[in-house]
């Protein structure tokens, strides 16, 4: 019990996730769907349309709506029960992609290439991940491979200082592939456990920039034939269905090992994560709901599904 005048504790990550996904839950409009309180054909169709509006994609929406109706068709159902059943079905789709991000300690340094389009929060995600890894006892080097923007280099240096991680950087305009190669050499010589590589934000339809990403991956292999050991794509939840095209394009350039979804706070398009899970089956390692260090957390399928549907 709090003393009088004492400040309330800050909201937990799950509370913030639920608050952040409130717009997506509102988009589903479950209360409006259940006016008739019966799971008949009209209700199932309305549910499917609501899932599509939440950016789950037509095929996934159809399958989830059908699964919700199975064994319950034309029966009365309460709003609370519908939310629970829907959350369970969404969690079933998401559970296979709920996997921990593991550093292979036999590979030293463990090289992580991080990519994404402009504005996804890629650099700050790298900083938050670095802080997490340092807390777990890893020695981390950050490579400022976004040489196009001086601001990105400065931002990474700030995050590196906060996390206690070395930042390998050069002047803006330097060759990104050359910098990454030298950063890997530095990580080797300093006995770092992990090398996190920032890259320039690039639109998936820009062939030249995608070719540069492929070049960075090739150059890494000259120093370590197995590098990068992980390639993460950072996605912005507010982009909705455009995220599908991003995954396809980046996966064609660099084999992806997993996804990070940012900006889930306040997005009405949180359902896109369900569509991505169903289509690509790529691990979703982390989700983000804000700018602070602890606002990046491991993905939990059941918690996400409950927050998305407003289920208790």
Protein backbone atom coordinates (compact mmCIF):
# COMPACT_ATOMS: atom_id res chain seq x y z
CA UNK A 1 0.00 0.00 0.00
CA UNK A 2 1.40 3.41 -0.98
CA UNK A 3 1.97 6.16 1.54
CA UNK A 4 -0.06 9.34 1.06
CA UNK A 5 1.66 11.60 -1.46
CA UNK A 6 3.91 8.84 -2.77
CA UNK A 7 4.24 8.69 -6.55
CA UNK A 8 2.58 5.67 -8.17
CA UNK A 9 4.94 3.05 -9.58
CA UNK A 10 5.69 3.37 -13.29
CA UNK A 11 3.61 1.12 -15.55
CA UNK A 12 5.10 -2.26 -16.38
CA UNK A 13 6.07 -3.15 -19.93
CA UNK A 14 2.94 -5.30 -20.30
CA UNK A 15 0.76 -2.44 -19.09
CA UNK A 16 2.41 -0.14 -21.61
CA UNK A 17 1.96 -2.75 -24.34
CA UNK A 18 -1.73 -3.06 -23.54
CA UNK A 19 -2.06 0.72 -23.53
CA UNK A 20 -0.07 1.01 -26.74
CA UNK A 21 -2.16 -1.59 -28.55
CA UNK A 22 -5.42 -0.01 -27.39
CA UNK A 23 -5.83 1.56 -30.83
CA UNK A 24 -5.44 -1.84 -32.49
CA UNK A 25 -7.90 -3.35 -30.02
CA UNK A 26 -10.28 -0.48 -30.80
CA UNK A 27 -9.89 -1.16 -34.52
CA UNK A 28 -11.14 -4.69 -33.92
CA UNK A 29 -14.35 -3.21 -32.51
CA UNK A 30 -15.33 -6.40 -30.72
CA UNK A 31 -18.01 -4.68 -28.64
CA UNK A 32 -19.80 -3.57 -31.83
CA UNK A 33 -19.48 -7.02 -33.38
CA UNK A 34 -21.20 -8.64 -30.41
CA UNK A 35 -24.36 -6.57 -30.45
CA UNK A 36 -26.34 -9.71 -31.29
CA UNK A 37 -24.40 -11.84 -28.78
CA UNK A 38 -24.53 -14.79 -31.15
CA UNK A 39 -21.71 -16.24 -33.23
CA UNK A 40 -23.68 -16.55 -36.45
CA UNK A 41 -22.59 -16.03 -40.07
CA UNK A 42 -22.91 -12.24 -39.87
CA UNK A 43 -20.85 -12.10 -36.70
CA UNK A 44 -18.09 -14.30 -38.14
CA UNK A 45 -17.97 -12.15 -41.28
CA UNK A 46 -17.79 -8.98 -39.19
CA UNK A 47 -14.99 -10.51 -37.12
CA UNK A 48 -13.03 -11.42 -40.26
CA UNK A 49 -13.42 -7.88 -41.61
CA UNK A 50 -12.28 -6.45 -38.27
CA UNK A 51 -9.14 -8.61 -38.31
CA UNK A 52 -8.36 -7.36 -41.83
CA UNK A 53 -8.75 -3.75 -40.63
CA UNK A 54 -6.22 -4.53 -37.90
CA UNK A 55 -3.75 -5.48 -40.70
CA UNK A 56 -3.71 -9.22 -40.17
CA UNK A 57 -4.16 -9.86 -43.89
CA UNK A 58 -7.10 -11.52 -45.64
CA UNK A 59 -5.90 -15.12 -45.44
CA UNK A 60 -4.88 -14.97 -41.79
CA UNK A 61 -8.07 -13.13 -40.86
CA UNK A 62 -10.18 -15.76 -42.59
CA UNK A 63 -8.40 -18.64 -40.84
CA UNK A 64 -8.59 -17.05 -37.39
CA UNK A 65 -12.28 -16.16 -37.76
CA UNK A 66 -13.03 -19.72 -38.86
CA UNK A 67 -11.08 -21.13 -35.91
CA UNK A 68 -13.02 -18.91 -33.50
CA UNK A 69 -16.32 -20.12 -34.96
CA UNK A 70 -15.39 -23.81 -34.97
CA UNK A 71 -17.56 -25.65 -32.45
CA UNK A 72 -19.26 -22.40 -31.41
CA UNK A 73 -21.23 -21.54 -34.55
CA UNK A 74 -24.70 -20.10 -33.92
CA UNK A 75 -24.16 -20.17 -30.17
CA UNK A 76 -24.42 -17.30 -27.71
CA UNK A 77 -21.07 -15.81 -26.74
CA UNK A 78 -20.21 -13.03 -24.31
CA UNK A 79 -17.79 -10.22 -25.17
CA UNK A 80 -15.33 -11.52 -22.57
CA UNK A 81 -15.50 -15.03 -23.98
CA UNK A 82 -15.01 -13.81 -27.55
CA UNK A 83 -11.96 -11.80 -26.53
CA UNK A 84 -10.47 -14.82 -24.78
CA UNK A 85 -11.15 -17.20 -27.67
CA UNK A 86 -9.79 -14.70 -30.19
CA UNK A 87 -6.69 -14.09 -28.06
CA UNK A 88 -6.11 -17.84 -27.83
CA UNK A 89 -6.33 -18.25 -31.62
CA UNK A 90 -4.00 -15.30 -32.26
CA UNK A 91 -1.54 -16.65 -29.69
CA UNK A 92 -1.62 -20.01 -31.47
CA UNK A 93 -0.46 -18.28 -34.68
CA UNK A 94 2.19 -16.27 -32.82
CA UNK A 95 3.59 -18.95 -30.51
CA UNK A 96 5.91 -20.55 -33.14
CA UNK A 97 7.73 -17.22 -33.66
CA UNK A 98 8.22 -16.57 -29.93
CA UNK A 99 11.87 -17.52 -29.62
CA UNK A 100 14.63 -16.11 -27.43
CA UNK A 101 17.50 -14.21 -29.00
CA UNK A 102 20.53 -16.33 -28.12
CA UNK A 103 24.20 -15.39 -28.46
CA UNK A 104 26.27 -18.37 -29.60
CA UNK A 105 29.30 -18.14 -27.33
CA UNK A 106 31.30 -20.48 -29.59
CA UNK A 107 31.36 -17.70 -32.19
CA UNK A 108 33.46 -14.83 -30.93
CA UNK A 109 32.55 -12.22 -31.76
CA UNK A 110 28.94 -13.12 -32.53
CA UNK A 111 28.15 -10.79 -35.43
CA UNK A 112 24.66 -9.28 -35.64
CA UNK A 113 23.72 -7.28 -38.76
CA UNK A 114 20.74 -4.97 -38.20
CA UNK A 115 18.80 -3.55 -41.15
CA UNK A 116 15.57 -1.69 -41.83
CA UNK A 117 13.99 1.14 -43.78
CA UNK A 118 14.35 4.75 -42.73
CA UNK A 119 12.63 5.76 -39.51
CA UNK A 120 11.98 2.34 -37.96
CA UNK A 121 14.00 3.09 -34.83
CA UNK A 122 16.85 0.85 -35.95
CA UNK A 123 19.73 2.72 -34.29
CA UNK A 124 17.95 3.11 -30.96
CA UNK A 125 16.98 -0.58 -31.11
CA UNK A 126 20.65 -1.47 -31.47
CA UNK A 127 21.46 0.73 -28.46
CA UNK A 128 18.77 -0.93 -26.34
CA UNK A 129 19.91 -4.38 -27.41
CA UNK A 130 23.51 -3.46 -26.55
CA UNK A 131 22.44 -2.38 -23.06
CA UNK A 132 20.62 -5.70 -22.58
CA UNK A 133 23.63 -7.73 -23.75
CA UNK A 134 26.06 -5.79 -21.54
CA UNK A 135 23.78 -6.40 -18.54
CA UNK A 136 23.93 -10.09 -19.40
CA UNK A 137 27.72 -9.98 -19.15
CA UNK A 138 28.70 -9.68 -22.81
CA UNK A 139 31.45 -7.39 -24.06
CA UNK A 140 29.85 -5.52 -26.97
CA UNK A 141 31.21 -3.44 -29.85
CA UNK A 142 28.87 -1.31 -31.95
CA UNK A 143 29.71 -0.59 -35.59
CA UNK A 144 28.36 2.75 -36.88
CA UNK A 145 27.67 1.44 -40.39
CA UNK A 146 25.11 4.14 -41.16
CA UNK A 147 27.76 6.41 -42.61
CA UNK A 148 25.23 8.49 -44.55
CA UNK A 149 23.95 10.37 -41.51
CA UNK A 150 26.16 12.11 -38.97
CA UNK A 151 23.17 12.10 -36.62
CA UNK A 152 23.03 8.30 -36.73
CA UNK A 153 26.70 8.06 -35.76
CA UNK A 154 26.21 10.49 -32.89
CA UNK A 155 23.06 8.69 -31.75
CA UNK A 156 24.89 5.34 -31.68
CA UNK A 157 27.76 6.88 -29.72
CA UNK A 158 25.30 8.17 -27.12
CA UNK A 159 23.68 4.75 -26.81
CA UNK A 160 27.10 3.08 -26.62
CA UNK A 161 28.15 5.38 -23.80
CA UNK A 162 24.95 4.60 -21.89
CA UNK A 163 25.32 0.87 -22.40
CA UNK A 164 29.04 0.64 -21.68
CA UNK A 165 29.80 -0.59 -25.21
CA UNK A 166 32.62 0.52 -27.49
CA UNK A 167 31.50 2.27 -30.71
CA UNK A 168 33.59 1.87 -33.85
CA UNK A 169 32.92 4.85 -36.11
CA UNK A 170 34.43 6.97 -38.86
CA UNK A 171 33.62 10.28 -40.48
CA UNK A 172 30.26 10.62 -42.25
CA UNK A 173 30.51 9.54 -45.87
CA UNK A 174 33.02 6.76 -45.21
CA UNK A 175 32.65 3.48 -47.07
CA UNK A 176 30.19 1.42 -45.03
CA UNK A 177 31.50 -2.01 -46.07
CA UNK A 178 35.09 -1.02 -45.28
CA UNK A 179 34.05 0.32 -41.89
CA UNK A 180 32.20 -2.87 -41.03
CA UNK A 181 35.19 -5.02 -42.02
CA UNK A 182 37.50 -2.97 -39.78
CA UNK A 183 34.92 -3.03 -36.98
CA UNK A 184 34.94 -6.84 -37.08
CA UNK A 185 38.73 -6.78 -36.91
CA UNK A 186 38.50 -4.45 -33.90
CA UNK A 187 35.96 -6.71 -32.22
CA UNK A 188 38.32 -9.67 -32.70
CA UNK A 189 41.35 -7.83 -31.34
CA UNK A 190 39.44 -6.56 -28.29
CA UNK A 191 38.03 -10.03 -27.54
CA UNK A 192 34.47 -8.75 -27.81
CA UNK A 193 31.65 -11.25 -27.43
CA UNK A 194 29.22 -9.46 -29.74
CA UNK A 195 29.49 -7.05 -32.67
CA UNK A 196 26.25 -5.18 -33.41
CA UNK A 197 26.28 -3.53 -36.84
CA UNK A 198 24.09 -0.53 -37.60
CA UNK A 199 23.36 0.04 -41.29
CA UNK A 200 21.87 2.91 -43.24
CA UNK A 201 18.10 3.02 -43.46
CA UNK A 202 17.11 2.01 -46.95
CA UNK A 203 13.81 1.67 -48.76
CA UNK A 204 13.26 -1.87 -49.95
CA UNK A 205 12.70 -0.70 -53.57
CA UNK A 206 16.08 1.06 -53.89
CA UNK A 207 18.28 -1.45 -55.72
CA UNK A 208 21.54 0.42 -55.09
CA UNK A 209 21.11 0.56 -51.34
CA UNK A 210 20.00 -3.06 -51.15
CA UNK A 211 23.11 -4.01 -53.14
CA UNK A 212 25.21 -2.16 -50.56
CA UNK A 213 23.65 -4.27 -47.82
CA UNK A 214 24.57 -7.41 -49.76
CA UNK A 215 28.12 -6.04 -50.09
CA UNK A 216 28.39 -5.53 -46.32
CA UNK A 217 27.41 -9.17 -45.78
CA UNK A 218 29.97 -10.33 -48.38
CA UNK A 219 32.77 -8.25 -46.85
CA UNK A 220 32.06 -9.70 -43.40
CA UNK A 221 32.60 -13.19 -44.81
CA UNK A 222 36.12 -12.25 -45.88
CA UNK A 223 36.98 -11.95 -42.18
CA UNK A 224 34.64 -14.67 -40.88
CA UNK A 225 33.10 -17.07 -43.40
CA UNK A 226 30.06 -17.64 -41.16
CA UNK A 227 29.32 -13.95 -40.50
CA UNK A 228 26.88 -12.41 -40.01
CA UNK A 229 25.72 -14.97 -37.48
CA UNK A 230 22.36 -13.20 -37.12
CA UNK A 231 20.58 -10.71 -39.36
CA UNK A 232 17.74 -8.76 -37.79
CA UNK A 233 15.17 -6.66 -39.61
CA UNK A 234 13.66 -3.80 -37.60
CA UNK A 235 10.07 -3.03 -38.58
CA UNK A 236 7.85 -0.10 -37.68
CA UNK A 237 4.38 -1.28 -36.60
CA UNK A 238 2.74 1.83 -38.07
CA UNK A 239 3.65 0.77 -41.64
CA UNK A 240 1.01 -1.98 -41.60
CA UNK A 241 0.91 -4.25 -44.65
CA UNK A 242 3.96 -2.54 -46.19
CA UNK A 243 5.98 -4.56 -43.67
CA UNK A 244 5.30 -7.68 -45.76
CA UNK A 245 7.08 -6.16 -48.77
CA UNK A 246 9.95 -5.07 -46.52
CA UNK A 247 10.51 -8.58 -45.18
CA UNK A 248 10.44 -10.04 -48.71
CA UNK A 249 12.94 -7.50 -50.08
CA UNK A 250 15.41 -7.62 -47.20
CA UNK A 251 15.28 -11.42 -47.05
CA UNK A 252 16.25 -11.49 -50.74
CA UNK A 253 19.31 -9.33 -49.99
CA UNK A 254 20.44 -10.89 -46.70
CA UNK A 255 19.04 -14.11 -45.19
CA UNK A 256 17.06 -12.93 -42.17
CA UNK A 257 17.24 -14.76 -38.85
CA UNK A 258 14.60 -12.73 -37.03
CA UNK A 259 12.47 -9.61 -36.65
CA UNK A 260 12.14 -6.72 -34.21
CA UNK A 261 8.87 -4.76 -34.18
CA UNK A 262 9.04 -1.18 -32.88
CA UNK A 263 6.54 1.64 -32.28
CA UNK A 264 3.72 -0.57 -31.03
CA UNK A 265 2.76 2.24 -28.67
CA UNK A 266 -0.18 3.95 -30.27
CA UNK A 267 -0.34 1.97 -33.53
CA UNK A 268 -3.70 0.83 -34.85
CA UNK A 269 -1.89 -1.69 -37.03
CA UNK A 270 -0.49 -4.08 -34.41
CA UNK A 271 -2.16 -6.97 -36.20
CA UNK A 272 0.56 -6.86 -38.85
CA UNK A 273 2.73 -8.91 -36.50
CA UNK A 274 0.19 -11.73 -36.76
CA UNK A 275 0.24 -11.53 -40.56
CA UNK A 276 4.05 -11.65 -40.62
CA UNK A 277 4.14 -14.65 -38.29
CA UNK A 278 1.67 -16.54 -40.45
CA UNK A 279 3.41 -15.71 -43.74
CA UNK A 280 7.12 -15.92 -42.92
CA UNK A 281 7.43 -17.87 -39.63
CA UNK A 282 10.51 -15.77 -38.78
CA UNK A 283 11.31 -15.44 -35.06
CA UNK A 284 10.09 -12.21 -33.50
CA UNK A 285 12.83 -11.60 -30.96
CA UNK A 286 11.84 -8.23 -29.53
CA UNK A 287 9.04 -5.68 -29.54
CA UNK A 288 9.26 -2.01 -28.60
CA UNK A 289 6.77 0.41 -27.10
CA UNK A 290 8.84 3.54 -26.52
CA UNK A 291 12.20 5.28 -26.50
CA UNK A 292 13.61 4.23 -23.13
CA UNK A 293 16.13 1.43 -22.67
CA UNK A 294 13.62 -0.94 -21.05
CA UNK A 295 11.00 -0.26 -23.74
CA UNK A 296 12.49 -3.08 -25.84
CA UNK A 297 11.51 -6.48 -24.46
CA UNK A 298 11.46 -10.10 -25.63
CA UNK A 299 8.34 -10.99 -27.57
CA UNK A 300 5.69 -12.96 -25.64
CA UNK A 301 2.92 -14.37 -27.83
CA UNK A 302 0.18 -14.75 -25.22
CA UNK A 303 0.74 -11.32 -23.68
CA UNK A 304 0.72 -9.71 -27.12
CA UNK A 305 -2.47 -11.52 -28.16
CA UNK A 306 -4.27 -10.45 -24.99
CA UNK A 307 -3.16 -6.85 -25.40
CA UNK A 308 -4.24 -6.85 -29.04
CA UNK A 309 -7.73 -8.15 -28.29
CA UNK A 310 -8.27 -6.48 -24.94
CA UNK A 311 -8.64 -9.88 -23.28
CA UNK A 312 -8.01 -10.03 -19.51
